[in-house]
Amino acid sequence: TGTILGFLVFGASAFAAVEWQTSYDMALAKAKKDKKLV
């Protein structure tokens, strides 16, 4: 059980989830900070 849990936690952290924004202005600010497109 510990091995499976560890694998699931590690496996989940290996793929970053999309952090959906709900504000255009906040998305632009985050994109500037992170040097990404929106």
All heavy atoms as atom14 arrays in JSON, in Angstrom:
{
  "sequence": "TGTILGFLVFGASAFAAVEWQTSYDMALAKAKKDKKLV",
  "atom14_mask": [
    [1, 1, 1, 1, 1, 1, 1, 0, 0, 0, 0, 0, 0, 0],
    [1, 1, 1, 1, 0, 0, 0, 0, 0, 0, 0, 0, 0, 0],
    [1, 1, 1, 1, 1, 1, 1, 0, 0, 0, 0, 0, 0, 0],
    [1, 1, 1, 1, 1, 1, 1, 1, 0, 0, 0, 0, 0, 0],
    [1, 1, 1, 1, 1, 1, 1, 1, 0, 0, 0, 0, 0, 0],
    [1, 1, 1, 1, 0, 0, 0, 0, 0, 0, 0, 0, 0, 0],
    [1, 1, 1, 1, 1, 1, 1, 1, 1, 1, 1, 0, 0, 0],
    [1, 1, 1, 1, 1, 1, 1, 1, 0, 0, 0, 0, 0, 0],
    [1, 1, 1, 1, 1, 1, 1, 0, 0, 0, 0, 0, 0, 0],
    [1, 1, 1, 1, 1, 1, 1, 1, 1, 1, 1, 0, 0, 0],
    [1, 1, 1, 1, 0, 0, 0, 0, 0, 0, 0, 0, 0, 0],
    [1, 1, 1, 1, 1, 0, 0, 0, 0, 0, 0, 0, 0, 0],
    [1, 1, 1, 1, 1, 1, 0, 0, 0, 0, 0, 0, 0, 0],
    [1, 1, 1, 1, 1, 0, 0, 0, 0, 0, 0, 0, 0, 0],
    [1, 1, 1, 1, 1, 1, 1, 1, 1, 1, 1, 0, 0, 0],
    [1, 1, 1, 1, 1, 0, 0, 0, 0, 0, 0, 0, 0, 0],
    [1, 1, 1, 1, 1, 0, 0, 0, 0, 0, 0, 0, 0, 0],
    [1, 1, 1, 1, 1, 1, 1, 0, 0, 0, 0, 0, 0, 0],
    [1, 1, 1, 1, 1, 1, 1, 1, 1, 0, 0, 0, 0, 0],
    [1, 1, 1, 1, 1, 1, 1, 1, 1, 1, 1, 1, 1, 1],
    [1, 1, 1, 1, 1, 1, 1, 1, 1, 0, 0, 0, 0, 0],
    [1, 1, 1, 1, 1, 1, 1, 0, 0, 0, 0, 0, 0, 0],
    [1, 1, 1, 1, 1, 1, 0, 0, 0, 0, 0, 0, 0, 0],
    [1, 1, 1, 1, 1, 1, 1, 1, 1, 1, 1, 1, 0, 0],
    [1, 1, 1, 1, 1, 1, 1, 1, 0, 0, 0, 0, 0, 0],
    [1, 1, 1, 1, 1, 1, 1, 1, 0, 0, 0, 0, 0, 0],
    [1, 1, 1, 1, 1, 0, 0, 0, 0, 0, 0, 0, 0, 0],
    [1, 1, 1, 1, 1, 1, 1, 1, 0, 0, 0, 0, 0, 0],
    [1, 1, 1, 1, 1, 0, 0, 0, 0, 0, 0, 0, 0, 0],
    [1, 1, 1, 1, 1, 1, 1, 1, 1, 0, 0, 0, 0, 0],
    [1, 1, 1, 1, 1, 0, 0, 0, 0, 0, 0, 0, 0, 0],
    [1, 1, 1, 1, 1, 1, 1, 1, 1, 0, 0, 0, 0, 0],
    [1, 1, 1, 1, 1, 1, 1, 1, 1, 0, 0, 0, 0, 0],
    [1, 1, 1, 1, 1, 1, 1, 1, 0, 0, 0, 0, 0, 0],
    [1, 1, 1, 1, 1, 1, 1, 1, 1, 0, 0, 0, 0, 0],
    [1, 1, 1, 1, 1, 1, 1, 1, 1, 0, 0, 0, 0, 0],
    [1, 1, 1, 1, 1, 1, 1, 1, 0, 0, 0, 0, 0, 0],
    [1, 1, 1, 1, 1, 1, 1, 0, 0, 0, 0, 0, 0, 0]
  ],
  "atom14_positions": [
    [[0.84, -1.2, 0.0], [0.0, 0.0, 0.0], [0.87, 1.25, 0.0], [0.62, 2.18, -0.75], [-0.94, 0.0, 1.22], [-1.71, -1.19, 1.2], [-1.85, 1.21, 1.21], [0.0, 0.0, 0.0], [0.0, 0.0, 0.0], [0.0, 0.0, 0.0], [0.0, 0.0, 0.0], [0.0, 0.0, 0.0], [0.0, 0.0, 0.0], [0.0, 0.0, 0.0]],
    [[1.92, 1.25, 0.82], [2.83, 2.4, 0.86], [3.53, 2.62, -0.46], [3.69, 3.74, -0.91], [0.0, 0.0, 0.0], [0.0, 0.0, 0.0], [0.0, 0.0, 0.0], [0.0, 0.0, 0.0], [0.0, 0.0, 0.0], [0.0, 0.0, 0.0], [0.0, 0.0, 0.0], [0.0, 0.0, 0.0], [0.0, 0.0, 0.0], [0.0, 0.0, 0.0]],
    [[3.94, 1.53, -1.1], [4.6, 1.63, -2.39], [3.65, 2.19, -3.44], [4.02, 3.07, -4.22], [5.13, 0.24, -2.83], [5.99, -0.25, -1.82], [5.86, 0.33, -4.14], [0.0, 0.0, 0.0], [0.0, 0.0, 0.0], [0.0, 0.0, 0.0], [0.0, 0.0, 0.0], [0.0, 0.0, 0.0], [0.0, 0.0, 0.0], [0.0, 0.0, 0.0]],
    [[2.43, 1.7, -3.44], [1.44, 2.19, -4.41], [1.14, 3.66, -4.16], [1.12, 4.46, -5.08], [0.16, 1.34, -4.37], [0.46, -0.07, -4.92], [-0.97, 1.99, -5.17], [-0.65, -1.07, -4.72], [0.0, 0.0, 0.0], [0.0, 0.0, 0.0], [0.0, 0.0, 0.0], [0.0, 0.0, 0.0], [0.0, 0.0, 0.0], [0.0, 0.0, 0.0]],
    [[0.94, 4.03, -2.9], [0.68, 5.44, -2.56], [1.85, 6.31, -2.97], [1.67, 7.38, -3.54], [0.41, 5.6, -1.07], [-1.02, 5.39, -0.62], [-1.11, 5.46, 0.89], [-1.94, 6.41, -1.25], [0.0, 0.0, 0.0], [0.0, 0.0, 0.0], [0.0, 0.0, 0.0], [0.0, 0.0, 0.0], [0.0, 0.0, 0.0], [0.0, 0.0, 0.0]],
    [[3.04, 5.88, -2.69], [4.24, 6.64, -3.07], [4.33, 6.81, -4.58], [4.63, 7.89, -5.07], [0.0, 0.0, 0.0], [0.0, 0.0, 0.0], [0.0, 0.0, 0.0], [0.0, 0.0, 0.0], [0.0, 0.0, 0.0], [0.0, 0.0, 0.0], [0.0, 0.0, 0.0], [0.0, 0.0, 0.0], [0.0, 0.0, 0.0], [0.0, 0.0, 0.0]],
    [[4.02, 5.77, -5.31], [4.04, 5.84, -6.76], [2.99, 6.82, -7.27], [3.25, 7.63, -8.14], [3.8, 4.45, -7.38], [3.73, 4.48, -8.87], [4.88, 4.63, -9.62], [2.51, 4.38, -9.53], [4.83, 4.67, -11.0], [2.44, 4.43, -10.9], [3.6, 4.56, -11.64], [0.0, 0.0, 0.0], [0.0, 0.0, 0.0], [0.0, 0.0, 0.0]],
    [[1.79, 6.75, -6.69], [0.72, 7.66, -7.12], [1.08, 9.11, -6.83], [0.87, 9.98, -7.66], [-0.61, 7.3, -6.45], [-1.26, 6.0, -6.91], [-2.48, 5.69, -6.05], [-1.63, 6.07, -8.37], [0.0, 0.0, 0.0], [0.0, 0.0, 0.0], [0.0, 0.0, 0.0], [0.0, 0.0, 0.0], [0.0, 0.0, 0.0], [0.0, 0.0, 0.0]],
    [[1.62, 9.39, -5.67], [2.01, 10.75, -5.32], [3.14, 11.22, -6.23], [3.09, 12.3, -6.79], [2.42, 10.85, -3.83], [3.05, 12.2, -3.52], [1.21, 10.61, -2.94], [0.0, 0.0, 0.0], [0.0, 0.0, 0.0], [0.0, 0.0, 0.0], [0.0, 0.0, 0.0], [0.0, 0.0, 0.0], [0.0, 0.0, 0.0], [0.0, 0.0, 0.0]],
    [[4.16, 10.39, -6.4], [5.27, 10.77, -7.27], [4.8, 10.91, -8.7], [5.13, 11.86, -9.39], [6.4, 9.73, -7.19], [7.51, 10.05, -8.16], [8.41, 11.07, -7.88], [7.63, 9.35, -9.35], [9.42, 11.38, -8.78], [8.64, 9.65, -10.25], [9.54, 10.67, -9.96], [0.0, 0.0, 0.0], [0.0, 0.0, 0.0], [0.0, 0.0, 0.0]],
    [[3.99, 9.96, -9.16], [3.49, 10.0, -10.53], [2.65, 11.23, -10.79], [2.76, 11.87, -11.83], [0.0, 0.0, 0.0], [0.0, 0.0, 0.0], [0.0, 0.0, 0.0], [0.0, 0.0, 0.0], [0.0, 0.0, 0.0], [0.0, 0.0, 0.0], [0.0, 0.0, 0.0], [0.0, 0.0, 0.0], [0.0, 0.0, 0.0], [0.0, 0.0, 0.0]],
    [[1.83, 11.62, -9.83], [0.99, 12.8, -10.0], [1.84, 14.07, -10.04], [1.54, 14.99, -10.77], [-0.03, 12.88, -8.87], [0.0, 0.0, 0.0], [0.0, 0.0, 0.0], [0.0, 0.0, 0.0], [0.0, 0.0, 0.0], [0.0, 0.0, 0.0], [0.0, 0.0, 0.0], [0.0, 0.0, 0.0], [0.0, 0.0, 0.0], [0.0, 0.0, 0.0]],
    [[2.91, 14.1, -9.25], [3.72, 15.31, -9.25], [4.62, 15.4, -10.47], [5.13, 16.46, -10.79], [4.55, 15.37, -7.97], [5.49, 14.32, -7.95], [0.0, 0.0, 0.0], [0.0, 0.0, 0.0], [0.0, 0.0, 0.0], [0.0, 0.0, 0.0], [0.0, 0.0, 0.0], [0.0, 0.0, 0.0], [0.0, 0.0, 0.0], [0.0, 0.0, 0.0]],
    [[4.82, 14.3, -11.17], [5.65, 14.32, -12.36], [4.98, 15.09, -13.5], [5.63, 15.64, -14.36], [5.98, 12.9, -12.82], [0.0, 0.0, 0.0], [0.0, 0.0, 0.0], [0.0, 0.0, 0.0], [0.0, 0.0, 0.0], [0.0, 0.0, 0.0], [0.0, 0.0, 0.0], [0.0, 0.0, 0.0], [0.0, 0.0, 0.0], [0.0, 0.0, 0.0]],
    [[3.65, 15.14, -13.49], [2.9, 15.87, -14.49], [2.24, 17.07, -13.83], [1.41, 16.91, -12.95], [1.82, 14.98, -15.13], [2.38, 13.82, -15.88], [2.42, 12.57, -15.31], [2.9, 13.99, -17.14], [2.96, 11.49, -15.98], [3.44, 12.92, -17.84], [3.46, 11.67, -17.26], [0.0, 0.0, 0.0], [0.0, 0.0, 0.0], [0.0, 0.0, 0.0]],
    [[2.64, 18.24, -14.26], [2.05, 19.45, -13.68], [0.62, 19.62, -14.19], [0.35, 19.45, -15.37], [2.89, 20.66, -14.05], [0.0, 0.0, 0.0], [0.0, 0.0, 0.0], [0.0, 0.0, 0.0], [0.0, 0.0, 0.0], [0.0, 0.0, 0.0], [0.0, 0.0, 0.0], [0.0, 0.0, 0.0], [0.0, 0.0, 0.0], [0.0, 0.0, 0.0]],
    [[-0.26, 19.92, -13.29], [-1.65, 20.16, -13.67], [-1.79, 21.59, -14.17], [-1.05, 22.48, -13.77], [-2.57, 19.93, -12.48], [0.0, 0.0, 0.0], [0.0, 0.0, 0.0], [0.0, 0.0, 0.0], [0.0, 0.0, 0.0], [0.0, 0.0, 0.0], [0.0, 0.0, 0.0], [0.0, 0.0, 0.0], [0.0, 0.0, 0.0], [0.0, 0.0, 0.0]],
    [[-2.74, 21.8, -15.04], [-3.02, 23.13, -15.56], [-3.74, 23.92, -14.46], [-4.73, 23.46, -13.92], [-3.89, 23.06, -16.83], [-4.21, 24.46, -17.33], [-3.2, 22.24, -17.91], [0.0, 0.0, 0.0], [0.0, 0.0, 0.0], [0.0, 0.0, 0.0], [0.0, 0.0, 0.0], [0.0, 0.0, 0.0], [0.0, 0.0, 0.0], [0.0, 0.0, 0.0]],
    [[-3.24, 25.08, -14.15], [-3.88, 25.98, -13.19], [-4.75, 26.95, -13.98], [-4.27, 27.97, -14.45], [-2.84, 26.77, -12.4], [-2.1, 25.99, -11.36], [-1.15, 26.9, -10.6], [-1.54, 28.01, -10.21], [0.0, 26.48, -10.41], [0.0, 0.0, 0.0], [0.0, 0.0, 0.0], [0.0, 0.0, 0.0], [0.0, 0.0, 0.0], [0.0, 0.0, 0.0]],
    [[-6.01, 26.62, -14.14], [-6.91, 27.47, -14.93], [-7.18, 28.77, -14.18], [-7.61, 28.75, -13.03], [-8.22, 26.74, -15.2], [-8.05, 25.68, -16.24], [-7.81, 24.36, -16.02], [-8.08, 25.85, -17.65], [-7.69, 23.7, -17.22], [-7.85, 24.59, -18.24], [-8.29, 26.96, -18.48], [-7.82, 24.39, -19.62], [-8.25, 26.76, -19.86], [-8.02, 25.5, -20.41]],
    [[-6.95, 29.86, -14.85], [-7.23, 31.18, -14.31], [-8.67, 31.56, -14.66], [-9.24, 31.04, -15.62], [-6.27, 32.21, -14.89], [-4.8, 31.88, -14.69], [-4.4, 31.87, -13.23], [-4.65, 32.82, -12.5], [-3.78, 30.78, -12.8], [0.0, 0.0, 0.0], [0.0, 0.0, 0.0], [0.0, 0.0, 0.0], [0.0, 0.0, 0.0], [0.0, 0.0, 0.0]],
    [[-9.23, 32.48, -13.92], [-10.59, 32.96, -14.2], [-10.61, 34.46, -14.46], [-11.68, 35.03, -14.67], [-11.54, 32.62, -13.03], [-11.0, 33.19, -11.83], [-11.71, 31.12, -12.88], [0.0, 0.0, 0.0], [0.0, 0.0, 0.0], [0.0, 0.0, 0.0], [0.0, 0.0, 0.0], [0.0, 0.0, 0.0], [0.0, 0.0, 0.0], [0.0, 0.0, 0.0]],
    [[-9.45, 35.09, -14.46], [-9.33, 36.52, -14.72], [-8.29, 36.75, -15.81], [-7.15, 36.28, -15.69], [-8.92, 37.25, -13.44], [-8.39, 38.52, -13.74], [0.0, 0.0, 0.0], [0.0, 0.0, 0.0], [0.0, 0.0, 0.0], [0.0, 0.0, 0.0], [0.0, 0.0, 0.0], [0.0, 0.0, 0.0], [0.0, 0.0, 0.0], [0.0, 0.0, 0.0]],
    [[-8.68, 37.47, -16.84], [-7.77, 37.77, -17.94], [-6.57, 38.58, -17.44], [-5.43, 38.27, -17.77], [-8.52, 38.52, -19.05], [-7.67, 38.88, -20.23], [-7.19, 37.9, -21.1], [-7.34, 40.2, -20.49], [-6.41, 38.22, -22.2], [-6.56, 40.54, -21.59], [-6.1, 39.55, -22.44], [-5.32, 39.87, -23.53], [0.0, 0.0, 0.0], [0.0, 0.0, 0.0]],
    [[-6.83, 39.61, -16.64], [-5.74, 40.45, -16.13], [-4.77, 39.65, -15.27], [-3.55, 39.83, -15.38], [-6.3, 41.64, -15.35], [-7.04, 42.62, -16.25], [-6.73, 42.69, -17.46], [-7.94, 43.32, -15.74], [0.0, 0.0, 0.0], [0.0, 0.0, 0.0], [0.0, 0.0, 0.0], [0.0, 0.0, 0.0], [0.0, 0.0, 0.0], [0.0, 0.0, 0.0]],
    [[-5.3, 38.77, -14.43], [-4.42, 37.95, -13.6], [-3.62, 36.96, -14.45], [-2.45, 36.69, -14.17], [-5.23, 37.22, -12.53], [-5.72, 38.18, -11.45], [-6.84, 37.44, -10.24], [-5.81, 36.24, -9.45], [0.0, 0.0, 0.0], [0.0, 0.0, 0.0], [0.0, 0.0, 0.0], [0.0, 0.0, 0.0], [0.0, 0.0, 0.0], [0.0, 0.0, 0.0]],
    [[-4.24, 36.44, -15.51], [-3.53, 35.53, -16.41], [-2.38, 36.26, -17.12], [-1.28, 35.72, -17.24], [-4.5, 34.94, -17.43], [0.0, 0.0, 0.0], [0.0, 0.0, 0.0], [0.0, 0.0, 0.0], [0.0, 0.0, 0.0], [0.0, 0.0, 0.0], [0.0, 0.0, 0.0], [0.0, 0.0, 0.0], [0.0, 0.0, 0.0], [0.0, 0.0, 0.0]],
    [[-2.63, 37.5, -17.57], [-1.57, 38.29, -18.21], [-0.43, 38.56, -17.23], [0.75, 38.42, -17.6], [-2.12, 39.62, -18.72], [-2.8, 39.61, -20.08], [-3.32, 41.01, -20.4], [-1.88, 39.12, -21.17], [0.0, 0.0, 0.0], [0.0, 0.0, 0.0], [0.0, 0.0, 0.0], [0.0, 0.0, 0.0], [0.0, 0.0, 0.0], [0.0, 0.0, 0.0]],
    [[-0.77, 38.91, -16.0], [0.26, 39.18, -15.0], [1.09, 37.92, -14.71], [2.32, 37.99, -14.63], [-0.38, 39.7, -13.71], [0.0, 0.0, 0.0], [0.0, 0.0, 0.0], [0.0, 0.0, 0.0], [0.0, 0.0, 0.0], [0.0, 0.0, 0.0], [0.0, 0.0, 0.0], [0.0, 0.0, 0.0], [0.0, 0.0, 0.0], [0.0, 0.0, 0.0]],
    [[0.42, 36.79, -14.59], [1.12, 35.52, -14.35], [2.02, 35.17, -15.54], [3.14, 34.72, -15.38], [0.12, 34.41, -14.07], [0.76, 33.07, -13.71], [-0.28, 32.11, -13.17], [0.24, 30.72, -12.93], [1.52, 30.61, -12.26], [0.0, 0.0, 0.0], [0.0, 0.0, 0.0], [0.0, 0.0, 0.0], [0.0, 0.0, 0.0], [0.0, 0.0, 0.0]],
    [[1.51, 35.4, -16.76], [2.29, 35.11, -17.96], [3.55, 35.97, -18.03], [4.62, 35.49, -18.41], [1.43, 35.32, -19.2], [0.0, 0.0, 0.0], [0.0, 0.0, 0.0], [0.0, 0.0, 0.0], [0.0, 0.0, 0.0], [0.0, 0.0, 0.0], [0.0, 0.0, 0.0], [0.0, 0.0, 0.0], [0.0, 0.0, 0.0], [0.0, 0.0, 0.0]],
    [[3.42, 37.23, -17.65], [4.6, 38.12, -17.64], [5.63, 37.61, -16.65], [6.82, 37.55, -16.94], [4.19, 39.55, -17.28], [3.55, 40.28, -18.43], [3.16, 41.7, -18.05], [2.43, 42.33, -19.22], [1.96, 43.68, -18.93], [0.0, 0.0, 0.0], [0.0, 0.0, 0.0], [0.0, 0.0, 0.0], [0.0, 0.0, 0.0], [0.0, 0.0, 0.0]],
    [[5.14, 37.25, -15.46], [6.04, 36.76, -14.41], [6.72, 35.45, -14.83], [7.93, 35.29, -14.64], [5.24, 36.55, -13.12], [6.09, 36.15, -11.93], [5.23, 35.98, -10.69], [4.94, 34.66, -10.38], [4.87, 33.55, -9.9], [0.0, 0.0, 0.0], [0.0, 0.0, 0.0], [0.0, 0.0, 0.0], [0.0, 0.0, 0.0], [0.0, 0.0, 0.0]],
    [[5.95, 34.54, -15.44], [6.46, 33.22, -15.8], [7.06, 33.16, -17.21], [7.55, 32.11, -17.62], [5.35, 32.18, -15.69], [4.84, 32.01, -14.27], [5.48, 32.5, -13.32], [3.76, 31.4, -14.1], [0.0, 0.0, 0.0], [0.0, 0.0, 0.0], [0.0, 0.0, 0.0], [0.0, 0.0, 0.0], [0.0, 0.0, 0.0], [0.0, 0.0, 0.0]],
    [[6.97, 34.28, -17.95], [7.48, 34.34, -19.34], [6.82, 33.28, -20.22], [7.49, 32.46, -20.86], [8.99, 34.24, -19.36], [9.67, 35.41, -18.67], [11.16, 35.32, -18.77], [11.8, 36.56, -18.22], [12.25, 36.55, -16.91], [0.0, 0.0, 0.0], [0.0, 0.0, 0.0], [0.0, 0.0, 0.0], [0.0, 0.0, 0.0], [0.0, 0.0, 0.0]],
    [[5.47, 33.29, -20.22], [4.69, 32.34, -21.0], [3.66, 33.08, -21.85], [3.41, 34.27, -21.64], [3.94, 31.37, -20.08], [4.82, 30.46, -19.27], [3.98, 29.52, -18.42], [4.83, 28.52, -17.66], [3.98, 27.57, -16.91], [0.0, 0.0, 0.0], [0.0, 0.0, 0.0], [0.0, 0.0, 0.0], [0.0, 0.0, 0.0], [0.0, 0.0, 0.0]],
    [[3.06, 32.38, -22.77], [1.92, 32.9, -23.52], [0.65, 32.64, -22.72], [0.62, 31.78, -21.85], [1.8, 32.18, -24.87], [2.89, 32.46, -25.89], [2.73, 31.52, -27.08], [2.85, 33.91, -26.35], [0.0, 0.0, 0.0], [0.0, 0.0, 0.0], [0.0, 0.0, 0.0], [0.0, 0.0, 0.0], [0.0, 0.0, 0.0], [0.0, 0.0, 0.0]],
    [[-0.4, 33.37, -23.05], [-1.7, 33.15, -22.44], [-2.59, 32.45, -23.45], [-2.66, 32.86, -24.61], [-2.35, 34.48, -21.99], [-3.74, 34.23, -21.42], [-1.48, 35.2, -20.99], [0.0, 0.0, 0.0], [0.0, 0.0, 0.0], [0.0, 0.0, 0.0], [0.0, 0.0, 0.0], [0.0, 0.0, 0.0], [0.0, 0.0, 0.0], [0.0, 0.0, 0.0]]
  ]
}
